[in-house]
Structure formats: structure tokens, C-alpha cells
């Protein structure tokens, strides 16, 4: 299996040693994205604005890797305050309106640069056939 580093200038570069994403086989593994609009600068306006920017950054990274938000199968969300979960969910639902990915959400003491939220994702790459079957009853 070949490993390819994914990078897009549409997302501010992190100040730590990491790749924005790694494409491995038919999968894209996106590093945790913050709500940064420039290196070291978070989107202003609270958890909703940060979540929106996180999702925009995640979208850009996935697209650079040949994937998309629609092809995400799993996300892990880190939040500083789970009291903001409902507000975060409202924005998250705008980006994942139908058949959202599997998800785990953690509350943590702190995130890099004073961020309130970080989201990492695993998505199917371009060669993986996408089809959704719902088992909801």
C-alpha cells in the first residue's frame, strides 16, 4: 500500500510536525482540524463559528486528497466544553445532513492554541465505491 501526504494551501499550516492528511490505499485519514483562518488565528464568534471553520478546513483537506465530506465514514471530535455540544451539533448537521458518519465525541481539558473544538476524519478515497445503505428502523 502506498502512502501519500496530502496538503492544501486552503488550510492554514499547523505549527507542529504533522500532515494535513495521509492518503493510504483507498482511504484518506485527515488529521484533527481546528477552526483556524490563519496560522495561530481561530475563527471568532464562539463554538458555532469555530465548528463551521473546522468543517470548512476538513472539507478542503479531504478534497485535496480526492475525497469529500460525503465520503467520511468516521469522525472523532474533541471539545473543551461538552456544554456546547448542542450548538456544535447544529453546525455539524449542516455539513453532514444525511447519513452522518460514525462519531465519537470527547471532552478534553485543552486544545492547541486555545481552540474549543478539533475534528479528525477517516474518509473513503476516490477509488472506493460509495453507496449508503441505512439500517435504521
C-alpha atoms as a PDB file:
ATOM      1  CA  UNK A   1       0.000   0.000   0.000  1.00  0.00           C
ATOM      2  CA  UNK A   2       1.332   3.414  -0.972  1.00  0.00           C
ATOM      3  CA  UNK A   3       1.242   6.342   1.455  1.00  0.00           C
ATOM      4  CA  UNK A   4       0.796   9.863   0.076  1.00  0.00           C
ATOM      5  CA  UNK A   5       0.950  13.106   2.051  1.00  0.00           C
ATOM      6  CA  UNK A   6      -1.989  15.437   1.386  1.00  0.00           C
ATOM      7  CA  UNK A   7      -1.561  19.198   1.696  1.00  0.00           C
ATOM      8  CA  UNK A   8      -3.661  22.149   0.592  1.00  0.00           C
ATOM      9  CA  UNK A   9      -2.791  25.842   0.907  1.00  0.00           C
ATOM     10  CA  UNK A  10      -6.521  26.472   1.540  1.00  0.00           C
ATOM     11  CA  UNK A  11      -5.991  25.429   5.164  1.00  0.00           C
ATOM     12  CA  UNK A  12      -3.524  27.223   7.451  1.00  0.00           C
ATOM     13  CA  UNK A  13      -0.469  25.090   8.143  1.00  0.00           C
ATOM     14  CA  UNK A  14      -0.107  23.722  11.643  1.00  0.00           C
ATOM     15  CA  UNK A  15       2.809  24.844  13.763  1.00  0.00           C
ATOM     16  CA  UNK A  16       3.515  21.238  14.723  1.00  0.00           C
ATOM     17  CA  UNK A  17       5.014  18.347  12.731  1.00  0.00           C
ATOM     18  CA  UNK A  18       2.017  16.677  11.084  1.00  0.00           C
ATOM     19  CA  UNK A  19       0.459  16.116   7.675  1.00  0.00           C
ATOM     20  CA  UNK A  20      -2.965  17.622   6.990  1.00  0.00           C
ATOM     21  CA  UNK A  21      -3.951  14.157   5.784  1.00  0.00           C
ATOM     22  CA  UNK A  22      -2.484  10.900   4.585  1.00  0.00           C
ATOM     23  CA  UNK A  23      -3.893   9.025   1.629  1.00  0.00           C
ATOM     24  CA  UNK A  24      -3.268   5.284   2.047  1.00  0.00           C
ATOM     25  CA  UNK A  25      -4.733   2.888  -0.467  1.00  0.00           C
ATOM     26  CA  UNK A  26      -8.373   3.809  -0.973  1.00  0.00           C
ATOM     27  CA  UNK A  27      -8.631   5.811   2.257  1.00  0.00           C
ATOM     28  CA  UNK A  28      -7.934   9.374   3.377  1.00  0.00           C
ATOM     29  CA  UNK A  29      -7.001   9.931   7.027  1.00  0.00           C
ATOM     30  CA  UNK A  30      -7.392  13.613   7.936  1.00  0.00           C
ATOM     31  CA  UNK A  31      -5.524  14.970  10.945  1.00  0.00           C
ATOM     32  CA  UNK A  32      -7.513  16.851  13.534  1.00  0.00           C
ATOM     33  CA  UNK A  33      -8.592  20.182  12.096  1.00  0.00           C
ATOM     34  CA  UNK A  34      -9.005  23.339  14.150  1.00  0.00           C
ATOM     35  CA  UNK A  35     -11.117  26.374  13.347  1.00  0.00           C
ATOM     36  CA  UNK A  36      -8.120  28.344  12.117  1.00  0.00           C
ATOM     37  CA  UNK A  37      -8.487  31.058   9.498  1.00  0.00           C
ATOM     38  CA  UNK A  38      -4.742  31.858   9.516  1.00  0.00           C
ATOM     39  CA  UNK A  39      -1.804  30.291  11.379  1.00  0.00           C
ATOM     40  CA  UNK A  40      -2.485  30.828  15.081  1.00  0.00           C
ATOM     41  CA  UNK A  41      -5.791  32.657  14.478  1.00  0.00           C
ATOM     42  CA  UNK A  42      -9.112  30.983  15.286  1.00  0.00           C
ATOM     43  CA  UNK A  43     -12.457  31.952  13.780  1.00  0.00           C
ATOM     44  CA  UNK A  44     -14.151  34.457  16.096  1.00  0.00           C
ATOM     45  CA  UNK A  45     -17.711  34.013  17.304  1.00  0.00           C
ATOM     46  CA  UNK A  46     -17.722  31.062  19.678  1.00  0.00           C
ATOM     47  CA  UNK A  47     -18.250  27.361  19.165  1.00  0.00           C
ATOM     48  CA  UNK A  48     -20.583  27.743  16.153  1.00  0.00           C
ATOM     49  CA  UNK A  49     -18.069  29.830  14.197  1.00  0.00           C
ATOM     50  CA  UNK A  50     -15.185  27.551  15.168  1.00  0.00           C
ATOM     51  CA  UNK A  51     -17.136  24.414  14.228  1.00  0.00           C
ATOM     52  CA  UNK A  52     -18.065  25.918  10.866  1.00  0.00           C
ATOM     53  CA  UNK A  53     -14.412  26.756  10.147  1.00  0.00           C
ATOM     54  CA  UNK A  54     -13.275  23.301  11.300  1.00  0.00           C
ATOM     55  CA  UNK A  55     -15.735  21.734   8.831  1.00  0.00           C
ATOM     56  CA  UNK A  56     -14.588  24.045   6.019  1.00  0.00           C
ATOM     57  CA  UNK A  57     -10.948  23.164   6.739  1.00  0.00           C
ATOM     58  CA  UNK A  58     -11.786  19.459   6.871  1.00  0.00           C
ATOM     59  CA  UNK A  59     -13.679  19.737   3.576  1.00  0.00           C
ATOM     60  CA  UNK A  60     -10.683  21.412   1.887  1.00  0.00           C
ATOM     61  CA  UNK A  61      -8.221  18.801   3.169  1.00  0.00           C
ATOM     62  CA  UNK A  62     -10.438  15.892   2.103  1.00  0.00           C
ATOM     63  CA  UNK A  63     -10.973  17.389  -1.352  1.00  0.00           C
ATOM     64  CA  UNK A  64      -7.200  17.816  -1.723  1.00  0.00           C
ATOM     65  CA  UNK A  65      -6.958  14.077  -1.032  1.00  0.00           C
ATOM     66  CA  UNK A  66      -9.571  13.211  -3.654  1.00  0.00           C
ATOM     67  CA  UNK A  67     -12.384  12.672  -1.164  1.00  0.00           C
ATOM     68  CA  UNK A  68     -15.217  14.753   0.309  1.00  0.00           C
ATOM     69  CA  UNK A  69     -17.370  15.208   3.385  1.00  0.00           C
ATOM     70  CA  UNK A  70     -19.965  12.902   1.792  1.00  0.00           C
ATOM     71  CA  UNK A  71     -17.395  10.085   1.818  1.00  0.00           C
ATOM     72  CA  UNK A  72     -16.479  10.413   5.520  1.00  0.00           C
ATOM     73  CA  UNK A  73     -17.117   7.194   7.431  1.00  0.00           C
ATOM     74  CA  UNK A  74     -15.802   8.131  10.904  1.00  0.00           C
ATOM     75  CA  UNK A  75     -15.044  11.304  12.827  1.00  0.00           C
ATOM     76  CA  UNK A  76     -13.577  11.886  16.249  1.00  0.00           C
ATOM     77  CA  UNK A  77     -14.467  15.191  17.872  1.00  0.00           C
ATOM     78  CA  UNK A  78     -12.601  16.780  20.767  1.00  0.00           C
ATOM     79  CA  UNK A  79     -14.333  19.604  22.640  1.00  0.00           C
ATOM     80  CA  UNK A  80     -13.211  21.705  25.578  1.00  0.00           C
ATOM     81  CA  UNK A  81     -16.791  22.077  26.859  1.00  0.00           C
ATOM     82  CA  UNK A  82     -19.498  19.476  26.214  1.00  0.00           C
ATOM     83  CA  UNK A  83     -21.964  22.112  27.414  1.00  0.00           C
ATOM     84  CA  UNK A  84     -21.576  23.482  23.856  1.00  0.00           C
ATOM     85  CA  UNK A  85     -22.487  20.127  22.282  1.00  0.00           C
ATOM     86  CA  UNK A  86     -25.975  21.144  21.117  1.00  0.00           C
ATOM     87  CA  UNK A  87     -24.668  24.260  19.361  1.00  0.00           C
ATOM     88  CA  UNK A  88     -21.839  22.272  17.771  1.00  0.00           C
ATOM     89  CA  UNK A  89     -24.332  19.616  16.623  1.00  0.00           C
ATOM     90  CA  UNK A  90     -26.436  22.243  14.833  1.00  0.00           C
ATOM     91  CA  UNK A  91     -23.457  23.306  12.715  1.00  0.00           C
ATOM     92  CA  UNK A  92     -22.171  19.734  12.284  1.00  0.00           C
ATOM     93  CA  UNK A  93     -25.605  18.758  10.904  1.00  0.00           C
ATOM     94  CA  UNK A  94     -25.295  21.438   8.200  1.00  0.00           C
ATOM     95  CA  UNK A  95     -22.183  19.672   6.877  1.00  0.00           C
ATOM     96  CA  UNK A  96     -23.454  16.114   7.425  1.00  0.00           C
ATOM     97  CA  UNK A  97     -27.218  16.457   6.809  1.00  0.00           C
ATOM     98  CA  UNK A  98     -27.934  12.869   5.696  1.00  0.00           C
ATOM     99  CA  UNK A  99     -26.500   9.591   6.963  1.00  0.00           C
ATOM    100  CA  UNK A 100     -23.830  11.198   9.157  1.00  0.00           C
ATOM    101  CA  UNK A 101     -20.596   9.299   9.785  1.00  0.00           C
ATOM    102  CA  UNK A 102     -19.891   7.155  12.818  1.00  0.00           C
ATOM    103  CA  UNK A 103     -18.743   9.523  15.525  1.00  0.00           C
ATOM    104  CA  UNK A 104     -17.085   9.675  18.913  1.00  0.00           C
ATOM    105  CA  UNK A 105     -17.027  12.909  20.916  1.00  0.00           C
ATOM    106  CA  UNK A 106     -14.683  13.542  23.836  1.00  0.00           C
ATOM    107  CA  UNK A 107     -14.403  16.388  26.307  1.00  0.00           C
ATOM    108  CA  UNK A 108     -10.797  17.369  26.943  1.00  0.00           C
ATOM    109  CA  UNK A 109      -9.114  19.847  29.231  1.00  0.00           C
ATOM    110  CA  UNK A 110      -7.491  21.950  26.485  1.00  0.00           C
ATOM    111  CA  UNK A 111      -6.738  22.055  22.761  1.00  0.00           C
ATOM    112  CA  UNK A 112      -3.844  23.629  20.858  1.00  0.00           C
ATOM    113  CA  UNK A 113      -3.904  27.412  20.594  1.00  0.00           C
ATOM    114  CA  UNK A 114      -6.987  27.849  22.761  1.00  0.00           C
ATOM    115  CA  UNK A 115      -9.271  26.072  20.275  1.00  0.00           C
ATOM    116  CA  UNK A 116     -12.650  24.887  21.553  1.00  0.00           C
ATOM    117  CA  UNK A 117     -13.074  22.049  19.037  1.00  0.00           C
ATOM    118  CA  UNK A 118     -10.976  19.726  16.866  1.00  0.00           C
ATOM    119  CA  UNK A 119     -12.288  17.145  14.386  1.00  0.00           C
ATOM    120  CA  UNK A 120     -10.358  14.333  12.698  1.00  0.00           C
ATOM    121  CA  UNK A 121     -11.847  12.121   9.989  1.00  0.00           C
ATOM    122  CA  UNK A 122     -11.451   8.937   8.005  1.00  0.00           C
ATOM    123  CA  UNK A 123     -12.943   9.028   4.516  1.00  0.00           C
ATOM    124  CA  UNK A 124     -13.191   6.788   1.501  1.00  0.00           C
ATOM    125  CA  UNK A 125     -10.888   7.841  -1.293  1.00  0.00           C
ATOM    126  CA  UNK A 126     -11.792   8.264  -4.958  1.00  0.00           C
ATOM    127  CA  UNK A 127     -11.296   4.590  -5.855  1.00  0.00           C
ATOM    128  CA  UNK A 128     -13.676   3.326  -3.169  1.00  0.00           C
ATOM    129  CA  UNK A 129     -17.198   2.832  -4.441  1.00  0.00           C
ATOM    130  CA  UNK A 130     -19.578   4.856  -2.297  1.00  0.00           C
ATOM    131  CA  UNK A 131     -23.030   3.568  -1.571  1.00  0.00           C
ATOM    132  CA  UNK A 132     -25.070   4.140   1.534  1.00  0.00           C
ATOM    133  CA  UNK A 133     -27.449   1.617   2.982  1.00  0.00           C
ATOM    134  CA  UNK A 134     -29.349   2.647   6.050  1.00  0.00           C
ATOM    135  CA  UNK A 135     -30.293   0.051   8.639  1.00  0.00           C
ATOM    136  CA  UNK A 136     -32.455   2.471  10.603  1.00  0.00           C
ATOM    137  CA  UNK A 137     -35.868   1.120  11.540  1.00  0.00           C
END
